[in-house]
Amino acid sequence: VSTYEVTILDSKYAALAGVLHETTVLPSAGARLAFK
């Protein structure tokens, strides 16, 4: 149970870091970015 909880928390932070990267990083060739 404790290992499962740590994995769930790590996944949430990894997903948040990915979204933050897509919305703030400067465009470069090959980059995947969030736009409107």
Full PDB file with SEQRES, HELIX, SHEET, SSBOND, CRYST1, ORIGX, SCALE, CONECT and MASTER records, all heavy atoms in Angstrom:
SEQRES   1 A   36  VAL SER THR TYR GLU VAL THR ILE LEU ASP SER LYS TYR          
SEQRES   2 A   36  ALA ALA LEU ALA GLY VAL LEU HIS GLU THR THR VAL LEU          
SEQRES   3 A   36  PRO SER ALA GLY ALA ARG LEU ALA PHE LYS                      
HELIX    1 AA1 SER A    2  THR A   24  1                                  23    
CRYST1    1.000    1.000    1.000  90.00  90.00  90.00 P 1           1          
ORIGX1      1.000000  0.000000  0.000000        0.00000                         
ORIGX2      0.000000  1.000000  0.000000        0.00000                         
ORIGX3      0.000000  0.000000  1.000000        0.00000                         
SCALE1      1.000000  0.000000  0.000000        0.00000                         
SCALE2      0.000000  1.000000  0.000000        0.00000                         
SCALE3      0.000000  0.000000  1.000000        0.00000                         
ATOM      1  N   VAL A   1       0.841  -1.212   0.000  1.00  0.00           N  
ATOM      2  CA  VAL A   1       0.000   0.000   0.000  1.00  0.00           C  
ATOM      3  C   VAL A   1       0.867   1.250   0.000  1.00  0.00           C  
ATOM      4  O   VAL A   1       0.605   2.194  -0.748  1.00  0.00           O  
ATOM      5  CB  VAL A   1      -0.970  -0.015   1.198  1.00  0.00           C  
ATOM      6  CG1 VAL A   1      -1.660   1.323   1.380  1.00  0.00           C  
ATOM      7  CG2 VAL A   1      -2.008  -1.118   1.011  1.00  0.00           C  
ATOM      8  N   SER A   2       1.906   1.287   0.797  1.00  0.00           N  
ATOM      9  CA  SER A   2       2.756   2.483   0.826  1.00  0.00           C  
ATOM     10  C   SER A   2       3.501   2.663  -0.499  1.00  0.00           C  
ATOM     11  O   SER A   2       3.647   3.780  -0.986  1.00  0.00           O  
ATOM     12  CB  SER A   2       3.743   2.425   1.991  1.00  0.00           C  
ATOM     13  OG  SER A   2       4.646   1.353   1.819  1.00  0.00           O  
ATOM     14  N   THR A   3       3.941   1.585  -1.124  1.00  0.00           N  
ATOM     15  CA  THR A   3       4.597   1.678  -2.436  1.00  0.00           C  
ATOM     16  C   THR A   3       3.601   2.161  -3.489  1.00  0.00           C  
ATOM     17  O   THR A   3       3.933   2.994  -4.323  1.00  0.00           O  
ATOM     18  CB  THR A   3       5.161   0.304  -2.857  1.00  0.00           C  
ATOM     19  OG1 THR A   3       6.064  -0.143  -1.858  1.00  0.00           O  
ATOM     20  CG2 THR A   3       5.869   0.390  -4.202  1.00  0.00           C  
ATOM     21  N   TYR A   4       2.367   1.676  -3.430  1.00  0.00           N  
ATOM     22  CA  TYR A   4       1.331   2.096  -4.363  1.00  0.00           C  
ATOM     23  C   TYR A   4       1.054   3.589  -4.217  1.00  0.00           C  
ATOM     24  O   TYR A   4       0.959   4.306  -5.201  1.00  0.00           O  
ATOM     25  CB  TYR A   4       0.060   1.273  -4.121  1.00  0.00           C  
ATOM     26  CG  TYR A   4      -1.093   1.697  -4.996  1.00  0.00           C  
ATOM     27  CD1 TYR A   4      -1.134   1.314  -6.333  1.00  0.00           C  
ATOM     28  CD2 TYR A   4      -2.123   2.474  -4.496  1.00  0.00           C  
ATOM     29  CE1 TYR A   4      -2.178   1.694  -7.145  1.00  0.00           C  
ATOM     30  CE2 TYR A   4      -3.170   2.856  -5.303  1.00  0.00           C  
ATOM     31  CZ  TYR A   4      -3.199   2.475  -6.629  1.00  0.00           C  
ATOM     32  OH  TYR A   4      -4.235   2.853  -7.437  1.00  0.00           O  
ATOM     33  N   GLU A   5       0.939   4.074  -2.993  1.00  0.00           N  
ATOM     34  CA  GLU A   5       0.682   5.496  -2.751  1.00  0.00           C  
ATOM     35  C   GLU A   5       1.828   6.357  -3.269  1.00  0.00           C  
ATOM     36  O   GLU A   5       1.602   7.402  -3.864  1.00  0.00           O  
ATOM     37  CB  GLU A   5       0.462   5.759  -1.255  1.00  0.00           C  
ATOM     38  CG  GLU A   5      -0.837   5.226  -0.724  1.00  0.00           C  
ATOM     39  CD  GLU A   5      -2.054   5.903  -1.346  1.00  0.00           C  
ATOM     40  OE1 GLU A   5      -2.005   7.113  -1.602  1.00  0.00           O  
ATOM     41  OE2 GLU A   5      -3.041   5.193  -1.585  1.00  0.00           O  
ATOM     42  N   VAL A   6       3.052   5.941  -3.073  1.00  0.00           N  
ATOM     43  CA  VAL A   6       4.201   6.702  -3.563  1.00  0.00           C  
ATOM     44  C   VAL A   6       4.180   6.749  -5.088  1.00  0.00           C  
ATOM     45  O   VAL A   6       4.419   7.789  -5.701  1.00  0.00           O  
ATOM     46  CB  VAL A   6       5.516   6.082  -3.043  1.00  0.00           C  
ATOM     47  CG1 VAL A   6       6.713   6.665  -3.762  1.00  0.00           C  
ATOM     48  CG2 VAL A   6       5.638   6.297  -1.543  1.00  0.00           C  
ATOM     49  N   THR A   7       3.850   5.634  -5.741  1.00  0.00           N  
ATOM     50  CA  THR A   7       3.781   5.595  -7.200  1.00  0.00           C  
ATOM     51  C   THR A   7       2.701   6.535  -7.708  1.00  0.00           C  
ATOM     52  O   THR A   7       2.910   7.269  -8.673  1.00  0.00           O  
ATOM     53  CB  THR A   7       3.496   4.160  -7.683  1.00  0.00           C  
ATOM     54  OG1 THR A   7       4.500   3.299  -7.155  1.00  0.00           O  
ATOM     55  CG2 THR A   7       3.482   4.088  -9.193  1.00  0.00           C  
ATOM     56  N   ILE A   8       1.545   6.546  -7.070  1.00  0.00           N  
ATOM     57  CA  ILE A   8       0.451   7.426  -7.482  1.00  0.00           C  
ATOM     58  C   ILE A   8       0.877   8.880  -7.342  1.00  0.00           C  
ATOM     59  O   ILE A   8       0.663   9.691  -8.239  1.00  0.00           O  
ATOM     60  CB  ILE A   8      -0.825   7.144  -6.654  1.00  0.00           C  
ATOM     61  CG1 ILE A   8      -1.352   5.756  -6.958  1.00  0.00           C  
ATOM     62  CG2 ILE A   8      -1.886   8.187  -6.925  1.00  0.00           C  
ATOM     63  CD1 ILE A   8      -1.767   5.553  -8.410  1.00  0.00           C  
ATOM     64  N   LEU A   9       1.496   9.251  -6.226  1.00  0.00           N  
ATOM     65  CA  LEU A   9       1.935  10.634  -6.030  1.00  0.00           C  
ATOM     66  C   LEU A   9       2.992  11.014  -7.063  1.00  0.00           C  
ATOM     67  O   LEU A   9       2.955  12.104  -7.623  1.00  0.00           O  
ATOM     68  CB  LEU A   9       2.477  10.825  -4.614  1.00  0.00           C  
ATOM     69  CG  LEU A   9       1.432  10.785  -3.497  1.00  0.00           C  
ATOM     70  CD1 LEU A   9       2.117  10.890  -2.142  1.00  0.00           C  
ATOM     71  CD2 LEU A   9       0.419  11.896  -3.661  1.00  0.00           C  
ATOM     72  N   ASP A  10       3.949  10.116  -7.339  1.00  0.00           N  
ATOM     73  CA  ASP A  10       4.972  10.401  -8.336  1.00  0.00           C  
ATOM     74  C   ASP A  10       4.357  10.610  -9.713  1.00  0.00           C  
ATOM     75  O   ASP A  10       4.769  11.471 -10.462  1.00  0.00           O  
ATOM     76  CB  ASP A  10       6.001   9.262  -8.396  1.00  0.00           C  
ATOM     77  CG  ASP A  10       6.922   9.263  -7.188  1.00  0.00           C  
ATOM     78  OD1 ASP A  10       6.930  10.262  -6.451  1.00  0.00           O  
ATOM     79  OD2 ASP A  10       7.625   8.254  -6.996  1.00  0.00           O  
ATOM     80  N   SER A  11       3.339   9.809 -10.074  1.00  0.00           N  
ATOM     81  CA  SER A  11       2.704   9.963 -11.378  1.00  0.00           C  
ATOM     82  C   SER A  11       2.014  11.306 -11.493  1.00  0.00           C  
ATOM     83  O   SER A  11       2.048  11.933 -12.538  1.00  0.00           O  
ATOM     84  CB  SER A  11       1.660   8.905 -11.643  1.00  0.00           C  
ATOM     85  OG  SER A  11       1.922   7.718 -11.052  1.00  0.00           O  
ATOM     86  N   LYS A  12       1.370  11.745 -10.400  1.00  0.00           N  
ATOM     87  CA  LYS A  12       0.692  13.044 -10.444  1.00  0.00           C  
ATOM     88  C   LYS A  12       1.701  14.158 -10.656  1.00  0.00           C  
ATOM     89  O   LYS A  12       1.477  15.062 -11.457  1.00  0.00           O  
ATOM     90  CB  LYS A  12      -0.084  13.276  -9.147  1.00  0.00           C  
ATOM     91  CG  LYS A  12      -1.318  12.429  -9.022  1.00  0.00           C  
ATOM     92  CD  LYS A  12      -2.017  12.699  -7.713  1.00  0.00           C  
ATOM     93  CE  LYS A  12      -3.196  11.777  -7.518  1.00  0.00           C  
ATOM     94  NZ  LYS A  12      -3.839  11.959  -6.230  1.00  0.00           N  
ATOM     95  N   TYR A  13       2.831  14.100  -9.975  1.00  0.00           N  
ATOM     96  CA  TYR A  13       3.835  15.145 -10.124  1.00  0.00           C  
ATOM     97  C   TYR A  13       4.501  15.090 -11.492  1.00  0.00           C  
ATOM     98  O   TYR A  13       4.811  16.119 -12.075  1.00  0.00           O  
ATOM     99  CB  TYR A  13       4.875  15.068  -9.007  1.00  0.00           C  
ATOM    100  CG  TYR A  13       4.308  15.460  -7.666  1.00  0.00           C  
ATOM    101  CD1 TYR A  13       4.349  14.594  -6.590  1.00  0.00           C  
ATOM    102  CD2 TYR A  13       3.713  16.700  -7.488  1.00  0.00           C  
ATOM    103  CE1 TYR A  13       3.822  14.949  -5.362  1.00  0.00           C  
ATOM    104  CE2 TYR A  13       3.168  17.058  -6.266  1.00  0.00           C  
ATOM    105  CZ  TYR A  13       3.226  16.188  -5.215  1.00  0.00           C  
ATOM    106  OH  TYR A  13       2.695  16.543  -4.009  1.00  0.00           O  
ATOM    107  N   ALA A  14       4.697  13.892 -12.031  1.00  0.00           N  
ATOM    108  CA  ALA A  14       5.282  13.765 -13.365  1.00  0.00           C  
ATOM    109  C   ALA A  14       4.338  14.328 -14.420  1.00  0.00           C  
ATOM    110  O   ALA A  14       4.760  15.023 -15.345  1.00  0.00           O  
ATOM    111  CB  ALA A  14       5.601  12.312 -13.668  1.00  0.00           C  
ATOM    112  N   ALA A  15       3.050  14.057 -14.290  1.00  0.00           N  
ATOM    113  CA  ALA A  15       2.070  14.593 -15.237  1.00  0.00           C  
ATOM    114  C   ALA A  15       2.010  16.112 -15.134  1.00  0.00           C  
ATOM    115  O   ALA A  15       1.962  16.815 -16.144  1.00  0.00           O  
ATOM    116  CB  ALA A  15       0.702  13.993 -14.974  1.00  0.00           C  
ATOM    117  N   LEU A  16       2.052  16.635 -13.926  1.00  0.00           N  
ATOM    118  CA  LEU A  16       2.033  18.085 -13.722  1.00  0.00           C  
ATOM    119  C   LEU A  16       3.278  18.719 -14.324  1.00  0.00           C  
ATOM    120  O   LEU A  16       3.199  19.760 -14.983  1.00  0.00           O  
ATOM    121  CB  LEU A  16       1.939  18.410 -12.230  1.00  0.00           C  
ATOM    122  CG  LEU A  16       1.911  19.892 -11.865  1.00  0.00           C  
ATOM    123  CD1 LEU A  16       0.696  20.566 -12.482  1.00  0.00           C  
ATOM    124  CD2 LEU A  16       1.923  20.072 -10.364  1.00  0.00           C  
ATOM    125  N   ALA A  17       4.430  18.088 -14.159  1.00  0.00           N  
ATOM    126  CA  ALA A  17       5.667  18.612 -14.734  1.00  0.00           C  
ATOM    127  C   ALA A  17       5.608  18.599 -16.258  1.00  0.00           C  
ATOM    128  O   ALA A  17       6.065  19.531 -16.915  1.00  0.00           O  
ATOM    129  CB  ALA A  17       6.860  17.794 -14.247  1.00  0.00           C  
ATOM    130  N   GLY A  18       5.004  17.565 -16.850  1.00  0.00           N  
ATOM    131  CA  GLY A  18       4.859  17.500 -18.307  1.00  0.00           C  
ATOM    132  C   GLY A  18       3.964  18.601 -18.829  1.00  0.00           C  
ATOM    133  O   GLY A  18       4.273  19.243 -19.839  1.00  0.00           O  
ATOM    134  N   VAL A  19       2.848  18.850 -18.169  1.00  0.00           N  
ATOM    135  CA  VAL A  19       1.926  19.921 -18.585  1.00  0.00           C  
ATOM    136  C   VAL A  19       2.599  21.273 -18.430  1.00  0.00           C  
ATOM    137  O   VAL A  19       2.506  22.131 -19.306  1.00  0.00           O  
ATOM    138  CB  VAL A  19       0.619  19.854 -17.762  1.00  0.00           C  
ATOM    139  CG1 VAL A  19      -0.228  21.090 -17.969  1.00  0.00           C  
ATOM    140  CG2 VAL A  19      -0.152  18.603 -18.125  1.00  0.00           C  
ATOM    141  N   LEU A  20       3.302  21.477 -17.335  1.00  0.00           N  
ATOM    142  CA  LEU A  20       4.004  22.738 -17.114  1.00  0.00           C  
ATOM    143  C   LEU A  20       5.061  22.958 -18.191  1.00  0.00           C  
ATOM    144  O   LEU A  20       5.213  24.072 -18.704  1.00  0.00           O  
ATOM    145  CB  LEU A  20       4.650  22.740 -15.724  1.00  0.00           C  
ATOM    146  CG  LEU A  20       5.327  24.027 -15.298  1.00  0.00           C  
ATOM    147  CD1 LEU A  20       4.310  25.166 -15.253  1.00  0.00           C  
ATOM    148  CD2 LEU A  20       5.979  23.858 -13.946  1.00  0.00           C  
ATOM    149  N   HIS A  21       5.766  21.905 -18.589  1.00  0.00           N  
ATOM    150  CA  HIS A  21       6.790  22.012 -19.632  1.00  0.00           C  
ATOM    151  C   HIS A  21       6.156  22.402 -20.963  1.00  0.00           C  
ATOM    152  O   HIS A  21       6.662  23.264 -21.666  1.00  0.00           O  
ATOM    153  CB  HIS A  21       7.528  20.682 -19.761  1.00  0.00           C  
ATOM    154  CG  HIS A  21       8.625  20.712 -20.758  1.00  0.00           C  
ATOM    155  ND1 HIS A  21       8.432  20.324 -22.059  1.00  0.00           N  
ATOM    156  CD2 HIS A  21       9.920  21.107 -20.668  1.00  0.00           C  
ATOM    157  CE1 HIS A  21       9.558  20.467 -22.727  1.00  0.00           C  
ATOM    158  NE2 HIS A  21      10.474  20.939 -21.902  1.00  0.00           N  
ATOM    159  N   GLU A  22       5.016  21.779 -21.322  1.00  0.00           N  
ATOM    160  CA  GLU A  22       4.350  22.073 -22.593  1.00  0.00           C  
ATOM    161  C   GLU A  22       3.836  23.500 -22.666  1.00  0.00           C  
ATOM    162  O   GLU A  22       3.726  24.056 -23.742  1.00  0.00           O  
ATOM    163  CB  GLU A  22       3.169  21.127 -22.813  1.00  0.00           C  
ATOM    164  CG  GLU A  22       3.545  19.760 -23.274  1.00  0.00           C  
ATOM    165  CD  GLU A  22       2.332  18.911 -23.591  1.00  0.00           C  
ATOM    166  OE1 GLU A  22       1.197  19.282 -23.228  1.00  0.00           O  
ATOM    167  OE2 GLU A  22       2.516  17.858 -24.211  1.00  0.00           O  
ATOM    168  N   THR A  23       3.501  24.100 -21.533  1.00  0.00           N  
ATOM    169  CA  THR A  23       2.899  25.430 -21.552  1.00  0.00           C  
ATOM    170  C   THR A  23       3.892  26.555 -21.320  1.00  0.00           C  
ATOM    171  O   THR A  23       3.524  27.716 -21.457  1.00  0.00           O  
ATOM    172  CB  THR A  23       1.778  25.523 -20.494  1.00  0.00           C  
ATOM    173  OG1 THR A  23       2.326  25.230 -19.215  1.00  0.00           O  
ATOM    174  CG2 THR A  23       0.644  24.576 -20.814  1.00  0.00           C  
ATOM    175  N   THR A  24       5.142  26.246 -20.975  1.00  0.00           N  
ATOM    176  CA  THR A  24       6.086  27.324 -20.672  1.00  0.00           C  
ATOM    177  C   THR A  24       7.365  27.309 -21.497  1.00  0.00           C  
ATOM    178  O   THR A  24       8.009  28.335 -21.634  1.00  0.00           O  
ATOM    179  CB  THR A  24       6.491  27.292 -19.181  1.00  0.00           C  
ATOM    180  OG1 THR A  24       7.081  26.033 -18.897  1.00  0.00           O  
ATOM    181  CG2 THR A  24       5.302  27.544 -18.281  1.00  0.00           C  
ATOM    182  N   VAL A  25       7.749  26.177 -22.050  1.00  0.00           N  
ATOM    183  CA  VAL A  25       9.023  26.079 -22.752  1.00  0.00           C  
ATOM    184  C   VAL A  25       8.951  26.817 -24.089  1.00  0.00           C  
ATOM    185  O   VAL A  25       7.896  26.883 -24.725  1.00  0.00           O  
ATOM    186  CB  VAL A  25       9.420  24.597 -22.951  1.00  0.00           C  
ATOM    187  CG1 VAL A  25       8.532  23.918 -23.972  1.00  0.00           C  
ATOM    188  CG2 VAL A  25      10.866  24.468 -23.350  1.00  0.00           C  
ATOM    189  N   LEU A  26      10.072  27.400 -24.509  1.00  0.00           N  
ATOM    190  CA  LEU A  26      10.139  28.048 -25.810  1.00  0.00           C  
ATOM    191  C   LEU A  26      10.131  26.989 -26.908  1.00  0.00           C  
ATOM    192  O   LEU A  26      10.732  25.936 -26.749  1.00  0.00           O  
ATOM    193  CB  LEU A  26      11.416  28.881 -25.938  1.00  0.00           C  
ATOM    194  CG  LEU A  26      11.376  30.268 -25.320  1.00  0.00           C  
ATOM    195  CD1 LEU A  26      12.734  30.948 -25.466  1.00  0.00           C  
ATOM    196  CD2 LEU A  26      10.299  31.125 -25.946  1.00  0.00           C  
ATOM    197  N   PRO A  27       9.465  27.271 -28.017  1.00  0.00           N  
ATOM    198  CA  PRO A  27       9.434  26.299 -29.112  1.00  0.00           C  
ATOM    199  C   PRO A  27      10.826  26.017 -29.671  1.00  0.00           C  
ATOM    200  O   PRO A  27      11.663  26.909 -29.776  1.00  0.00           O  
ATOM    201  CB  PRO A  27       8.568  26.982 -30.171  1.00  0.00           C  
ATOM    202  CG  PRO A  27       7.746  27.957 -29.419  1.00  0.00           C  
ATOM    203  CD  PRO A  27       8.611  28.412 -28.287  1.00  0.00           C  
ATOM    204  N   SER A  28      11.060  24.779 -30.021  1.00  0.00           N  
ATOM    205  CA  SER A  28      12.272  24.359 -30.710  1.00  0.00           C  
ATOM    206  C   SER A  28      11.872  23.199 -31.611  1.00  0.00           C  
ATOM    207  O   SER A  28      10.808  22.609 -31.441  1.00  0.00           O  
ATOM    208  CB  SER A  28      13.349  23.932 -29.715  1.00  0.00           C  
ATOM    209  OG  SER A  28      12.911  22.818 -28.974  1.00  0.00           O  
ATOM    210  N   ALA A  29      12.703  22.877 -32.570  1.00  0.00           N  
ATOM    211  CA  ALA A  29      12.389  21.791 -33.497  1.00  0.00           C  
ATOM    212  C   ALA A  29      12.186  20.494 -32.729  1.00  0.00           C  
ATOM    213  O   ALA A  29      13.012  20.114 -31.908  1.00  0.00           O  
ATOM    214  CB  ALA A  29      13.499  21.644 -34.522  1.00  0.00           C  
ATOM    215  N   GLY A  30      11.073  19.834 -32.961  1.00  0.00           N  
ATOM    216  CA  GLY A  30      10.764  18.575 -32.292  1.00  0.00           C  
ATOM    217  C   GLY A  30       9.976  18.727 -31.006  1.00  0.00           C  
ATOM    218  O   GLY A  30       9.526  17.736 -30.450  1.00  0.00           O  
ATOM    219  N   ALA A  31       9.784  19.956 -30.527  1.00  0.00           N  
ATOM    220  CA  ALA A  31       9.078  20.165 -29.267  1.00  0.00           C  
ATOM    221  C   ALA A  31       7.580  19.948 -29.444  1.00  0.00           C  
ATOM    222  O   ALA A  31       7.007  20.283 -30.469  1.00  0.00           O  
ATOM    223  CB  ALA A  31       9.334  21.576 -28.748  1.00  0.00           C  
ATOM    224  N   ARG A  32       6.957  19.378 -28.427  1.00  0.00           N  
ATOM    225  CA  ARG A  32       5.498  19.212 -28.403  1.00  0.00           C  
ATOM    226  C   ARG A  32       4.982  20.226 -27.397  1.00  0.00           C  
ATOM    227  O   ARG A  32       5.387  20.211 -26.230  1.00  0.00           O  
ATOM    228  CB  ARG A  32       5.145  17.793 -27.991  1.00  0.00           C  
ATOM    229  CG  ARG A  32       3.675  17.524 -28.048  1.00  0.00           C  
ATOM    230  CD  ARG A  32       3.425  16.054 -28.352  1.00  0.00           C  
ATOM    231  NE  ARG A  32       2.038  15.700 -28.187  1.00  0.00           N  
ATOM    232  CZ  ARG A  32       1.133  15.860 -29.139  1.00  0.00           C  
ATOM    233  NH1 ARG A  32       1.479  16.387 -30.285  1.00  0.00           N  
ATOM    234  NH2 ARG A  32      -0.112  15.513 -28.941  1.00  0.00           N  
ATOM    235  N   LEU A  33       4.081  21.107 -27.850  1.00  0.00           N  
ATOM    236  CA  LEU A  33       3.665  22.242 -27.043  1.00  0.00           C  
ATOM    237  C   LEU A  33       2.148  22.369 -26.983  1.00  0.00           C  
ATOM    238  O   LEU A  33       1.448  21.961 -27.911  1.00  0.00           O  
ATOM    239  CB  LEU A  33       4.249  23.532 -27.633  1.00  0.00           C  
ATOM    240  CG  LEU A  33       5.755  23.555 -27.825  1.00  0.00           C  
ATOM    241  CD1 LEU A  33       6.150  24.736 -28.676  1.00  0.00           C  
ATOM    242  CD2 LEU A  33       6.444  23.598 -26.486  1.00  0.00           C  
ATOM    243  N   ALA A  34       1.678  22.978 -25.911  1.00  0.00           N  
ATOM    244  CA  ALA A  34       0.255  23.276 -25.757  1.00  0.00           C  
ATOM    245  C   ALA A  34       0.004  24.694 -26.252  1.00  0.00           C  
ATOM    246  O   ALA A  34       0.706  25.627 -25.875  1.00  0.00           O  
ATOM    247  CB  ALA A  34      -0.143  23.141 -24.290  1.00  0.00           C  
ATOM    248  N   PHE A  35      -0.991  24.853 -27.114  1.00  0.00           N  
ATOM    249  CA  PHE A  35      -1.399  26.141 -27.659  1.00  0.00           C  
ATOM    250  C   PHE A  35      -2.918  26.215 -27.633  1.00  0.00           C  
ATOM    251  O   PHE A  35      -3.595  25.220 -27.389  1.00  0.00           O  
ATOM    252  CB  PHE A  35      -0.939  26.279 -29.117  1.00  0.00           C  
ATOM    253  CG  PHE A  35       0.423  26.908 -29.302  1.00  0.00           C  
ATOM    254  CD1 PHE A  35       1.567  26.263 -28.864  1.00  0.00           C  
ATOM    255  CD2 PHE A  35       0.556  28.130 -29.918  1.00  0.00           C  
ATOM    256  CE1 PHE A  35       2.813  26.815 -29.045  1.00  0.00           C  
ATOM    257  CE2 PHE A  35       1.794  28.702 -30.113  1.00  0.00           C  
ATOM    258  CZ  PHE A  35       2.925  28.051 -29.676  1.00  0.00           C  
ATOM    259  N   LYS A  36      -3.448  27.379 -27.914  1.00  0.00           N  
ATOM    260  CA  LYS A  36      -4.871  27.573 -28.191  1.00  0.00           C  
ATOM    261  C   LYS A  36      -4.979  27.849 -29.676  1.00  0.00           C  
ATOM    262  O   LYS A  36      -4.080  28.432 -30.277  1.00  0.00           O  
ATOM    263  CB  LYS A  36      -5.434  28.772 -27.418  1.00  0.00           C  
ATOM    264  CG  LYS A  36      -5.429  28.602 -25.922  1.00  0.00           C  
ATOM    265  CD  LYS A  36      -6.575  27.759 -25.491  1.00  0.00           C  
ATOM    266  CE  LYS A  36      -6.615  27.710 -23.963  1.00  0.00           C  
ATOM    267  NZ  LYS A  36      -7.621  26.807 -23.491  1.00  0.00           N  
TER     268      LYS A  36                                                      
MASTER        0    0    0    1    0    0    0    6  267    1    0    3          
END                                                                             
